[in-house]
Amino acid sequence: MAVEGAWDLSVSTPVGRIRAVAEFRREGGTLTGTARGEGEEVALTGVVLDGDRLTWKQRVTKPLRLNLTFDVRVDGDTLNGTSRAGRLPPSKVTGRRRPAHS
């Protein structure tokens, strides 16, 4: 399964819906990526694709300073799962892959 490309993400948090764009790419056989949203761009770390399960971590400073852990299932051009920030309850994550530019 390939996850490379840009994904429009929506995270339903206790403080409201947060929209972001995650971009995944493969560098030398390793998945890496970045996420943009809330006026900042951050690197994704620990990106792992195991079957249809995609996990990664990222640090954000807006709207709050948080360390986030994502755990989603990829189904074609959509993904669904959760994001956790420390001991807070998990937030629902949905996403849709952006069409590739031709």
PDB file of N, CA and C in Angstrom:
ATOM      1  N   MET A   1       0.845  -1.183   0.000  1.00  0.00           N
ATOM      2  CA  MET A   1       0.000   0.000   0.000  1.00  0.00           C
ATOM      3  C   MET A   1       0.886   1.242   0.000  1.00  0.00           C
ATOM      4  N   ALA A   2       0.552   2.199  -0.821  1.00  0.00           N
ATOM      5  CA  ALA A   2       1.319   3.438  -0.910  1.00  0.00           C
ATOM      6  C   ALA A   2       0.563   4.562  -0.212  1.00  0.00           C
ATOM      7  N   VAL A   3       1.268   5.330   0.609  1.00  0.00           N
ATOM      8  CA  VAL A   3       0.648   6.476   1.281  1.00  0.00           C
ATOM      9  C   VAL A   3       1.288   7.785   0.858  1.00  0.00           C
ATOM     10  N   GLU A   4       2.277   7.697  -0.037  1.00  0.00           N
ATOM     11  CA  GLU A   4       2.977   8.892  -0.458  1.00  0.00           C
ATOM     12  C   GLU A   4       2.009   9.885  -1.086  1.00  0.00           C
ATOM     13  N   GLY A   5       2.277  11.159  -0.822  1.00  0.00           N
ATOM     14  CA  GLY A   5       1.438  12.223  -1.355  1.00  0.00           C
ATOM     15  C   GLY A   5       0.929  13.109  -0.245  1.00  0.00           C
ATOM     16  N   ALA A   6       0.037  14.019  -0.619  1.00  0.00           N
ATOM     17  CA  ALA A   6      -0.527  14.981   0.329  1.00  0.00           C
ATOM     18  C   ALA A   6      -1.922  14.531   0.749  1.00  0.00           C
ATOM     19  N   TRP A   7      -2.203  14.677   2.033  1.00  0.00           N
ATOM     20  CA  TRP A   7      -3.479  14.282   2.620  1.00  0.00           C
ATOM     21  C   TRP A   7      -4.080  15.466   3.369  1.00  0.00           C
ATOM     22  N   ASP A   8      -5.360  15.728   3.128  1.00  0.00           N
ATOM     23  CA  ASP A   8      -6.096  16.729   3.903  1.00  0.00           C
ATOM     24  C   ASP A   8      -6.638  16.026   5.139  1.00  0.00           C
ATOM     25  N   LEU A   9      -6.199  16.472   6.314  1.00  0.00           N
ATOM     26  CA  LEU A   9      -6.611  15.861   7.568  1.00  0.00           C
ATOM     27  C   LEU A   9      -7.571  16.758   8.320  1.00  0.00           C
ATOM     28  N   SER A  10      -8.465  16.130   9.060  1.00  0.00           N
ATOM     29  CA  SER A  10      -9.367  16.829   9.961  1.00  0.00           C
ATOM     30  C   SER A  10      -9.307  16.101  11.301  1.00  0.00           C
ATOM     31  N   VAL A  11      -8.987  16.852  12.368  1.00  0.00           N
ATOM     32  CA  VAL A  11      -8.873  16.271  13.701  1.00  0.00           C
ATOM     33  C   VAL A  11      -9.944  16.918  14.578  1.00  0.00           C
ATOM     34  N   SER A  12     -10.842  16.091  15.120  1.00  0.00           N
ATOM     35  CA  SER A  12     -11.912  16.581  15.992  1.00  0.00           C
ATOM     36  C   SER A  12     -11.406  16.563  17.433  1.00  0.00           C
ATOM     37  N   THR A  13     -11.076  17.738  17.963  1.00  0.00           N
ATOM     38  CA  THR A  13     -10.509  17.844  19.307  1.00  0.00           C
ATOM     39  C   THR A  13     -11.540  18.445  20.263  1.00  0.00           C
ATOM     40  N   PRO A  14     -11.274  18.353  21.574  1.00  0.00           N
ATOM     41  CA  PRO A  14     -12.192  18.976  22.534  1.00  0.00           C
ATOM     42  C   PRO A  14     -12.317  20.493  22.351  1.00  0.00           C
ATOM     43  N   VAL A  15     -11.323  21.131  21.710  1.00  0.00           N
ATOM     44  CA  VAL A  15     -11.373  22.576  21.503  1.00  0.00           C
ATOM     45  C   VAL A  15     -11.820  22.945  20.087  1.00  0.00           C
ATOM     46  N   GLY A  16     -12.302  21.958  19.327  1.00  0.00           N
ATOM     47  CA  GLY A  16     -12.785  22.228  17.981  1.00  0.00           C
ATOM     48  C   GLY A  16     -12.044  21.430  16.927  1.00  0.00           C
ATOM     49  N   ARG A  17     -12.492  21.582  15.697  1.00  0.00           N
ATOM     50  CA  ARG A  17     -11.907  20.854  14.563  1.00  0.00           C
ATOM     51  C   ARG A  17     -10.644  21.566  14.081  1.00  0.00           C
ATOM     52  N   ILE A  18      -9.587  20.781  13.905  1.00  0.00           N
ATOM     53  CA  ILE A  18      -8.334  21.314  13.387  1.00  0.00           C
ATOM     54  C   ILE A  18      -8.082  20.675  12.023  1.00  0.00           C
ATOM     55  N   ARG A  19      -7.793  21.517  11.048  1.00  0.00           N
ATOM     56  CA  ARG A  19      -7.478  21.020   9.699  1.00  0.00           C
ATOM     57  C   ARG A  19      -5.986  21.164   9.453  1.00  0.00           C
ATOM     58  N   ALA A  20      -5.425  20.167   8.799  1.00  0.00           N
ATOM     59  CA  ALA A  20      -3.996  20.176   8.494  1.00  0.00           C
ATOM     60  C   ALA A  20      -3.770  19.421   7.199  1.00  0.00           C
ATOM     61  N   VAL A  21      -2.594  19.600   6.632  1.00  0.00           N
ATOM     62  CA  VAL A  21      -2.184  18.849   5.452  1.00  0.00           C
ATOM     63  C   VAL A  21      -0.924  18.074   5.828  1.00  0.00           C
ATOM     64  N   ALA A  22      -0.983  16.750   5.683  1.00  0.00           N
ATOM     65  CA  ALA A  22       0.185  15.903   5.928  1.00  0.00           C
ATOM     66  C   ALA A  22       0.712  15.435   4.576  1.00  0.00           C
ATOM     67  N   GLU A  23       2.034  15.510   4.420  1.00  0.00           N
ATOM     68  CA  GLU A  23       2.663  15.032   3.187  1.00  0.00           C
ATOM     69  C   GLU A  23       3.634  13.927   3.548  1.00  0.00           C
ATOM     70  N   PHE A  24       3.445  12.772   2.914  1.00  0.00           N
ATOM     71  CA  PHE A  24       4.316  11.621   3.148  1.00  0.00           C
ATOM     72  C   PHE A  24       5.155  11.373   1.906  1.00  0.00           C
ATOM     73  N   ARG A  25       6.426  11.036   2.107  1.00  0.00           N
ATOM     74  CA  ARG A  25       7.307  10.680   0.995  1.00  0.00           C
ATOM     75  C   ARG A  25       8.266   9.595   1.461  1.00  0.00           C
ATOM     76  N   ARG A  26       8.803   8.874   0.498  1.00  0.00           N
ATOM     77  CA  ARG A  26       9.735   7.797   0.797  1.00  0.00           C
ATOM     78  C   ARG A  26      11.129   8.258   0.408  1.00  0.00           C
ATOM     79  N   GLU A  27      12.044   8.207   1.361  1.00  0.00           N
ATOM     80  CA  GLU A  27      13.434   8.598   1.119  1.00  0.00           C
ATOM     81  C   GLU A  27      14.329   7.432   1.484  1.00  0.00           C
ATOM     82  N   GLY A  28      14.924   6.804   0.452  1.00  0.00           N
ATOM     83  CA  GLY A  28      15.804   5.669   0.700  1.00  0.00           C
ATOM     84  C   GLY A  28      15.111   4.518   1.403  1.00  0.00           C
ATOM     85  N   GLY A  29      13.840   4.279   1.075  1.00  0.00           N
ATOM     86  CA  GLY A  29      13.108   3.181   1.681  1.00  0.00           C
ATOM     87  C   GLY A  29      12.454   3.520   3.009  1.00  0.00           C
ATOM     88  N   THR A  30      12.670   4.739   3.516  1.00  0.00           N
ATOM     89  CA  THR A  30      12.100   5.150   4.792  1.00  0.00           C
ATOM     90  C   THR A  30      11.008   6.185   4.555  1.00  0.00           C
ATOM     91  N   LEU A  31       9.875   6.017   5.220  1.00  0.00           N
ATOM     92  CA  LEU A  31       8.804   7.003   5.123  1.00  0.00           C
ATOM     93  C   LEU A  31       9.122   8.201   6.002  1.00  0.00           C
ATOM     94  N   THR A  32       8.962   9.381   5.444  1.00  0.00           N
ATOM     95  CA  THR A  32       9.129  10.627   6.192  1.00  0.00           C
ATOM     96  C   THR A  32       7.956  11.529   5.833  1.00  0.00           C
ATOM     97  N   GLY A  33       7.907  12.683   6.463  1.00  0.00           N
ATOM     98  CA  GLY A  33       6.830  13.587   6.098  1.00  0.00           C
ATOM     99  C   GLY A  33       6.844  14.878   6.885  1.00  0.00           C
ATOM    100  N   THR A  34       5.914  15.745   6.502  1.00  0.00           N
ATOM    101  CA  THR A  34       5.706  17.015   7.187  1.00  0.00           C
ATOM    102  C   THR A  34       4.201  17.242   7.309  1.00  0.00           C
ATOM    103  N   ALA A  35       3.832  18.090   8.247  1.00  0.00           N
ATOM    104  CA  ALA A  35       2.431  18.487   8.399  1.00  0.00           C
ATOM    105  C   ALA A  35       2.375  20.000   8.491  1.00  0.00           C
ATOM    106  N   ARG A  36       1.367  20.581   7.822  1.00  0.00           N
ATOM    107  CA  ARG A  36       1.156  22.025   7.870  1.00  0.00           C
ATOM    108  C   ARG A  36      -0.249  22.297   8.381  1.00  0.00           C
ATOM    109  N   GLY A  37      -0.342  23.257   9.279  1.00  0.00           N
ATOM    110  CA  GLY A  37      -1.640  23.651   9.793  1.00  0.00           C
ATOM    111  C   GLY A  37      -1.462  24.639  10.925  1.00  0.00           C
ATOM    112  N   GLU A  38      -2.499  25.431  11.188  1.00  0.00           N
ATOM    113  CA  GLU A  38      -2.452  26.407  12.277  1.00  0.00           C
ATOM    114  C   GLU A  38      -1.246  27.338  12.166  1.00  0.00           C
ATOM    115  N   GLY A  39      -0.799  27.620  10.945  1.00  0.00           N
ATOM    116  CA  GLY A  39       0.283  28.573  10.737  1.00  0.00           C
ATOM    117  C   GLY A  39       1.677  28.050  11.000  1.00  0.00           C
ATOM    118  N   GLU A  40       1.851  26.724  11.089  1.00  0.00           N
ATOM    119  CA  GLU A  40       3.190  26.177  11.283  1.00  0.00           C
ATOM    120  C   GLU A  40       3.367  24.908  10.460  1.00  0.00           C
ATOM    121  N   GLU A  41       4.624  24.578  10.193  1.00  0.00           N
ATOM    122  CA  GLU A  41       4.964  23.345   9.499  1.00  0.00           C
ATOM    123  C   GLU A  41       5.898  22.556  10.394  1.00  0.00           C
ATOM    124  N   VAL A  42       5.589  21.271  10.609  1.00  0.00           N
ATOM    125  CA  VAL A  42       6.388  20.441  11.501  1.00  0.00           C
ATOM    126  C   VAL A  42       6.758  19.136  10.816  1.00  0.00           C
ATOM    127  N   ALA A  43       7.885  18.568  11.237  1.00  0.00           N
ATOM    128  CA  ALA A  43       8.326  17.280  10.711  1.00  0.00           C
ATOM    129  C   ALA A  43       7.560  16.158  11.400  1.00  0.00           C
ATOM    130  N   LEU A  44       7.273  15.115  10.631  1.00  0.00           N
ATOM    131  CA  LEU A  44       6.681  13.910  11.193  1.00  0.00           C
ATOM    132  C   LEU A  44       7.821  12.965  11.544  1.00  0.00           C
ATOM    133  N   THR A  45       7.733  12.297  12.686  1.00  0.00           N
ATOM    134  CA  THR A  45       8.770  11.362  13.101  1.00  0.00           C
ATOM    135  C   THR A  45       8.153   9.990  13.307  1.00  0.00           C
ATOM    136  N   GLY A  46       8.998   8.971  13.228  1.00  0.00           N
ATOM    137  CA  GLY A  46       8.547   7.607  13.473  1.00  0.00           C
ATOM    138  C   GLY A  46       7.433   7.167  12.551  1.00  0.00           C
ATOM    139  N   VAL A  47       7.480   7.586  11.276  1.00  0.00           N
ATOM    140  CA  VAL A  47       6.423   7.228  10.326  1.00  0.00           C
ATOM    141  C   VAL A  47       6.573   5.750   9.961  1.00  0.00           C
ATOM    142  N   VAL A  48       5.529   4.956  10.247  1.00  0.00           N
ATOM    143  CA  VAL A  48       5.572   3.518   9.972  1.00  0.00           C
ATOM    144  C   VAL A  48       4.276   3.100   9.299  1.00  0.00           C
ATOM    145  N   LEU A  49       4.412   2.375   8.179  1.00  0.00           N
ATOM    146  CA  LEU A  49       3.266   1.784   7.506  1.00  0.00           C
ATOM    147  C   LEU A  49       3.376   0.275   7.669  1.00  0.00           C
ATOM    148  N   ASP A  50       2.388  -0.323   8.339  1.00  0.00           N
ATOM    149  CA  ASP A  50       2.371  -1.767   8.576  1.00  0.00           C
ATOM    150  C   ASP A  50       1.038  -2.284   8.056  1.00  0.00           C
ATOM    151  N   GLY A  51       1.051  -2.834   6.835  1.00  0.00           N
ATOM    152  CA  GLY A  51      -0.207  -3.212   6.190  1.00  0.00           C
ATOM    153  C   GLY A  51      -0.990  -1.955   5.872  1.00  0.00           C
ATOM    154  N   ASP A  52      -2.216  -1.838   6.438  1.00  0.00           N
ATOM    155  CA  ASP A  52      -3.017  -0.633   6.211  1.00  0.00           C
ATOM    156  C   ASP A  52      -2.940   0.322   7.402  1.00  0.00           C
ATOM    157  N   ARG A  53      -2.113   0.009   8.392  1.00  0.00           N
ATOM    158  CA  ARG A  53      -1.991   0.843   9.596  1.00  0.00           C
ATOM    159  C   ARG A  53      -0.813   1.792   9.448  1.00  0.00           C
ATOM    160  N   LEU A  54      -1.097   3.088   9.579  1.00  0.00           N
ATOM    161  CA  LEU A  54      -0.086   4.135   9.461  1.00  0.00           C
ATOM    162  C   LEU A  54       0.011   4.861  10.795  1.00  0.00           C
ATOM    163  N   THR A  55       1.223   4.963  11.334  1.00  0.00           N
ATOM    164  CA  THR A  55       1.429   5.659  12.600  1.00  0.00           C
ATOM    165  C   THR A  55       2.544   6.685  12.429  1.00  0.00           C
ATOM    166  N   TRP A  56       2.432   7.785  13.186  1.00  0.00           N
ATOM    167  CA  TRP A  56       3.500   8.784  13.204  1.00  0.00           C
ATOM    168  C   TRP A  56       3.335   9.674  14.422  1.00  0.00           C
ATOM    169  N   LYS A  57       4.376  10.455  14.702  1.00  0.00           N
ATOM    170  CA  LYS A  57       4.352  11.416  15.800  1.00  0.00           C
ATOM    171  C   LYS A  57       4.718  12.787  15.256  1.00  0.00           C
ATOM    172  N   GLN A  58       4.220  13.810  15.941  1.00  0.00           N
ATOM    173  CA  GLN A  58       4.591  15.173  15.573  1.00  0.00           C
ATOM    174  C   GLN A  58       4.420  16.070  16.782  1.00  0.00           C
ATOM    175  N   ARG A  59       5.208  17.145  16.805  1.00  0.00           N
ATOM    176  CA  ARG A  59       5.109  18.153  17.856  1.00  0.00           C
ATOM    177  C   ARG A  59       4.504  19.398  17.255  1.00  0.00           C
ATOM    178  N   VAL A  60       3.565  19.996  17.961  1.00  0.00           N
ATOM    179  CA  VAL A  60       2.962  21.242  17.501  1.00  0.00           C
ATOM    180  C   VAL A  60       3.057  22.276  18.617  1.00  0.00           C
ATOM    181  N   THR A  61       2.998  23.547  18.231  1.00  0.00           N
ATOM    182  CA  THR A  61       3.007  24.624  19.218  1.00  0.00           C
ATOM    183  C   THR A  61       1.736  25.454  19.162  1.00  0.00           C
ATOM    184  N   LYS A  62       0.908  25.246  18.114  1.00  0.00           N
ATOM    185  CA  LYS A  62      -0.327  26.007  17.955  1.00  0.00           C
ATOM    186  C   LYS A  62      -1.477  25.034  17.754  1.00  0.00           C
ATOM    187  N   PRO A  63      -2.631  25.170  18.340  1.00  0.00           N
ATOM    188  CA  PRO A  63      -2.971  26.241  19.263  1.00  0.00           C
ATOM    189  C   PRO A  63      -2.344  26.049  20.649  1.00  0.00           C
ATOM    190  N   LEU A  64      -1.862  24.845  20.938  1.00  0.00           N
ATOM    191  CA  LEU A  64      -1.174  24.547  22.201  1.00  0.00           C
ATOM    192  C   LEU A  64       0.106  23.794  21.891  1.00  0.00           C
ATOM    193  N   ARG A  65       1.039  23.791  22.838  1.00  0.00           N
ATOM    194  CA  ARG A  65       2.267  23.010  22.677  1.00  0.00           C
ATOM    195  C   ARG A  65       1.958  21.565  23.075  1.00  0.00           C
ATOM    196  N   LEU A  66       1.956  20.666  22.073  1.00  0.00           N
ATOM    197  CA  LEU A  66       1.575  19.276  22.310  1.00  0.00           C
ATOM    198  C   LEU A  66       2.471  18.326  21.528  1.00  0.00           C
ATOM    199  N   ASN A  67       2.640  17.129  22.064  1.00  0.00           N
ATOM    200  CA  ASN A  67       3.251  16.017  21.343  1.00  0.00           C
ATOM    201  C   ASN A  67       2.109  15.089  20.937  1.00  0.00           C
ATOM    202  N   LEU A  68       1.913  14.912  19.646  1.00  0.00           N
ATOM    203  CA  LEU A  68       0.785  14.131  19.135  1.00  0.00           C
ATOM    204  C   LEU A  68       1.262  12.792  18.594  1.00  0.00           C
ATOM    205  N   THR A  69       0.450  11.759  18.812  1.00  0.00           N
ATOM    206  CA  THR A  69       0.694  10.434  18.261  1.00  0.00           C
ATOM    207  C   THR A  69      -0.515  10.048  17.427  1.00  0.00           C
ATOM    208  N   PHE A  70      -0.290   9.760  16.148  1.00  0.00           N
ATOM    209  CA  PHE A  70      -1.367   9.397  15.226  1.00  0.00           C
ATOM    210  C   PHE A  70      -1.351   7.898  14.966  1.00  0.00           C
ATOM    211  N   ASP A  71      -2.545   7.309  14.871  1.00  0.00           N
ATOM    212  CA  ASP A  71      -2.706   5.888  14.567  1.00  0.00           C
ATOM    213  C   ASP A  71      -3.941   5.777  13.686  1.00  0.00           C
ATOM    214  N   VAL A  72      -3.726   5.556  12.387  1.00  0.00           N
ATOM    215  CA  VAL A  72      -4.832   5.554  11.435  1.00  0.00           C
ATOM    216  C   VAL A  72      -4.774   4.319  10.543  1.00  0.00           C
ATOM    217  N   ARG A  73      -5.902   4.009   9.950  1.00  0.00           N
ATOM    218  CA  ARG A  73      -6.002   2.945   8.950  1.00  0.00           C
ATOM    219  C   ARG A  73      -6.242   3.601   7.601  1.00  0.00           C
ATOM    220  N   VAL A  74      -5.478   3.175   6.608  1.00  0.00           N
ATOM    221  CA  VAL A  74      -5.580   3.724   5.259  1.00  0.00           C
ATOM    222  C   VAL A  74      -6.422   2.783   4.404  1.00  0.00           C
ATOM    223  N   ASP A  75      -7.401   3.344   3.707  1.00  0.00           N
ATOM    224  CA  ASP A  75      -8.255   2.576   2.810  1.00  0.00           C
ATOM    225  C   ASP A  75      -8.309   3.332   1.488  1.00  0.00           C
ATOM    226  N   GLY A  76      -7.404   2.991   0.578  1.00  0.00           N
ATOM    227  CA  GLY A  76      -7.345   3.690  -0.708  1.00  0.00           C
ATOM    228  C   GLY A  76      -6.935   5.140  -0.518  1.00  0.00           C
ATOM    229  N   ASP A  77      -7.863   6.058  -0.825  1.00  0.00           N
ATOM    230  CA  ASP A  77      -7.579   7.487  -0.727  1.00  0.00           C
ATOM    231  C   ASP A  77      -8.194   8.125   0.507  1.00  0.00           C
ATOM    232  N   THR A  78      -8.585   7.313   1.495  1.00  0.00           N
ATOM    233  CA  THR A  78      -9.113   7.851   2.745  1.00  0.00           C
ATOM    234  C   THR A  78      -8.375   7.224   3.920  1.00  0.00           C
ATOM    235  N   LEU A  79      -8.399   7.904   5.036  1.00  0.00           N
ATOM    236  CA  LEU A  79      -7.849   7.338   6.268  1.00  0.00           C
ATOM    237  C   LEU A  79      -8.736   7.735   7.431  1.00  0.00           C
ATOM    238  N   ASN A  80      -8.739   6.884   8.449  1.00  0.00           N
ATOM    239  CA  ASN A  80      -9.534   7.102   9.654  1.00  0.00           C
ATOM    240  C   ASN A  80      -8.774   6.545  10.840  1.00  0.00           C
ATOM    241  N   GLY A  81      -8.841   7.246  11.967  1.00  0.00           N
ATOM    242  CA  GLY A  81      -8.174   6.757  13.160  1.00  0.00           C
ATOM    243  C   GLY A  81      -8.226   7.784  14.261  1.00  0.00           C
ATOM    244  N   THR A  82      -7.140   7.814  15.048  1.00  0.00           N
ATOM    245  CA  THR A  82      -7.115   8.710  16.203  1.00  0.00           C
ATOM    246  C   THR A  82      -5.767   9.410  16.324  1.00  0.00           C
ATOM    247  N   SER A  83      -5.816  10.503  17.057  1.00  0.00           N
ATOM    248  CA  SER A  83      -4.629  11.248  17.457  1.00  0.00           C
ATOM    249  C   SER A  83      -4.714  11.393  18.964  1.00  0.00           C
ATOM    250  N   ARG A  84      -3.581  11.207  19.639  1.00  0.00           N
ATOM    251  CA  ARG A  84      -3.555  11.368  21.096  1.00  0.00           C
ATOM    252  C   ARG A  84      -2.513  12.401  21.463  1.00  0.00           C
ATOM    253  N   ALA A  85      -2.839  13.188  22.461  1.00  0.00           N
ATOM    254  CA  ALA A  85      -1.916  14.176  23.011  1.00  0.00           C
ATOM    255  C   ALA A  85      -1.725  13.841  24.488  1.00  0.00           C
ATOM    256  N   GLY A  86      -0.644  13.138  24.787  1.00  0.00           N
ATOM    257  CA  GLY A  86      -0.369  12.785  26.172  1.00  0.00           C
ATOM    258  C   GLY A  86      -1.495  11.984  26.784  1.00  0.00           C
ATOM    259  N   ARG A  87      -1.982  12.456  27.927  1.00  0.00           N
ATOM    260  CA  ARG A  87      -3.028  11.728  28.649  1.00  0.00           C
ATOM    261  C   ARG A  87      -4.436  12.161  28.267  1.00  0.00           C
ATOM    262  N   LEU A  88      -4.549  13.075  27.334  1.00  0.00           N
ATOM    263  CA  LEU A  88      -5.866  13.518  26.886  1.00  0.00           C
ATOM    264  C   LEU A  88      -6.576  12.382  26.146  1.00  0.00           C
ATOM    265  N   PRO A  89      -7.902  12.413  26.109  1.00  0.00           N
ATOM    266  CA  PRO A  89      -8.622  11.376  25.357  1.00  0.00           C
ATOM    267  C   PRO A  89      -8.267  11.452  23.873  1.00  0.00           C
ATOM    268  N   PRO A  90      -8.364  10.329  23.162  1.00  0.00           N
ATOM    269  CA  PRO A  90      -8.052  10.358  21.729  1.00  0.00           C
ATOM    270  C   PRO A  90      -9.025  11.234  20.954  1.00  0.00           C
ATOM    271  N   SER A  91      -8.517  11.874  19.904  1.00  0.00           N
ATOM    272  CA  SER A  91      -9.331  12.691  19.007  1.00  0.00           C
ATOM    273  C   SER A  91      -9.489  11.945  17.691  1.00  0.00           C
ATOM    274  N   LYS A  92     -10.682  12.014  17.096  1.00  0.00           N
ATOM    275  CA  LYS A  92     -10.946  11.338  15.832  1.00  0.00           C
ATOM    276  C   LYS A  92     -10.234  12.064  14.693  1.00  0.00           C
ATOM    277  N   VAL A  93      -9.593  11.287  13.825  1.00  0.00           N
ATOM    278  CA  VAL A  93      -8.889  11.821  12.659  1.00  0.00           C
ATOM    279  C   VAL A  93      -9.493  11.211  11.397  1.00  0.00           C
ATOM    280  N   THR A  94      -9.784  12.063  10.425  1.00  0.00           N
ATOM    281  CA  THR A  94     -10.189  11.585   9.102  1.00  0.00           C
ATOM    282  C   THR A  94      -9.301  12.279   8.073  1.00  0.00           C
ATOM    283  N   GLY A  95      -9.144  11.664   6.931  1.00  0.00           N
ATOM    284  CA  GLY A  95      -8.308  12.269   5.903  1.00  0.00           C
ATOM    285  C   GLY A  95      -8.656  11.773   4.513  1.00  0.00           C
ATOM    286  N   ARG A  96      -8.313  12.609   3.557  1.00  0.00           N
ATOM    287  CA  ARG A  96      -8.510  12.266   2.148  1.00  0.00           C
ATOM    288  C   ARG A  96      -7.269  12.679   1.368  1.00  0.00           C
ATOM    289  N   ARG A  97      -6.794  11.749   0.539  1.00  0.00           N
ATOM    290  CA  ARG A  97      -5.606  12.021  -0.273  1.00  0.00           C
ATOM    291  C   ARG A  97      -5.944  13.036  -1.352  1.00  0.00           C
ATOM    292  N   ARG A  98      -5.041  14.014  -1.526  1.00  0.00           N
ATOM    293  CA  ARG A  98      -5.213  14.988  -2.605  1.00  0.00           C
ATOM    294  C   ARG A  98      -4.840  14.325  -3.921  1.00  0.00           C
ATOM    295  N   PRO A  99      -5.550  14.674  -4.995  1.00  0.00           N
ATOM    296  CA  PRO A  99      -5.183  14.121  -6.303  1.00  0.00           C
ATOM    297  C   PRO A  99      -3.751  14.514  -6.672  1.00  0.00           C
ATOM    298  N   ALA A 100      -3.034  13.602  -7.294  1.00  0.00           N
ATOM    299  CA  ALA A 100      -1.666  13.905  -7.738  1.00  0.00           C
ATOM    300  C   ALA A 100      -1.726  14.904  -8.875  1.00  0.00           C
ATOM    301  N   HIS A 101      -0.769  15.834  -8.872  1.00  0.00           N
ATOM    302  CA  HIS A 101      -0.697  16.817  -9.959  1.00  0.00           C
ATOM    303  C   HIS A 101      -0.114  16.151 -11.181  1.00  0.00           C
ATOM    304  N   SER A 102      -0.717  16.375 -12.328  1.00  0.00           N
ATOM    305  CA  SER A 102      -0.175  15.771 -13.550  1.00  0.00           C
ATOM    306  C   SER A 102       0.442  16.807 -14.440  1.00  0.00           C
TER     307      SER A 102
END
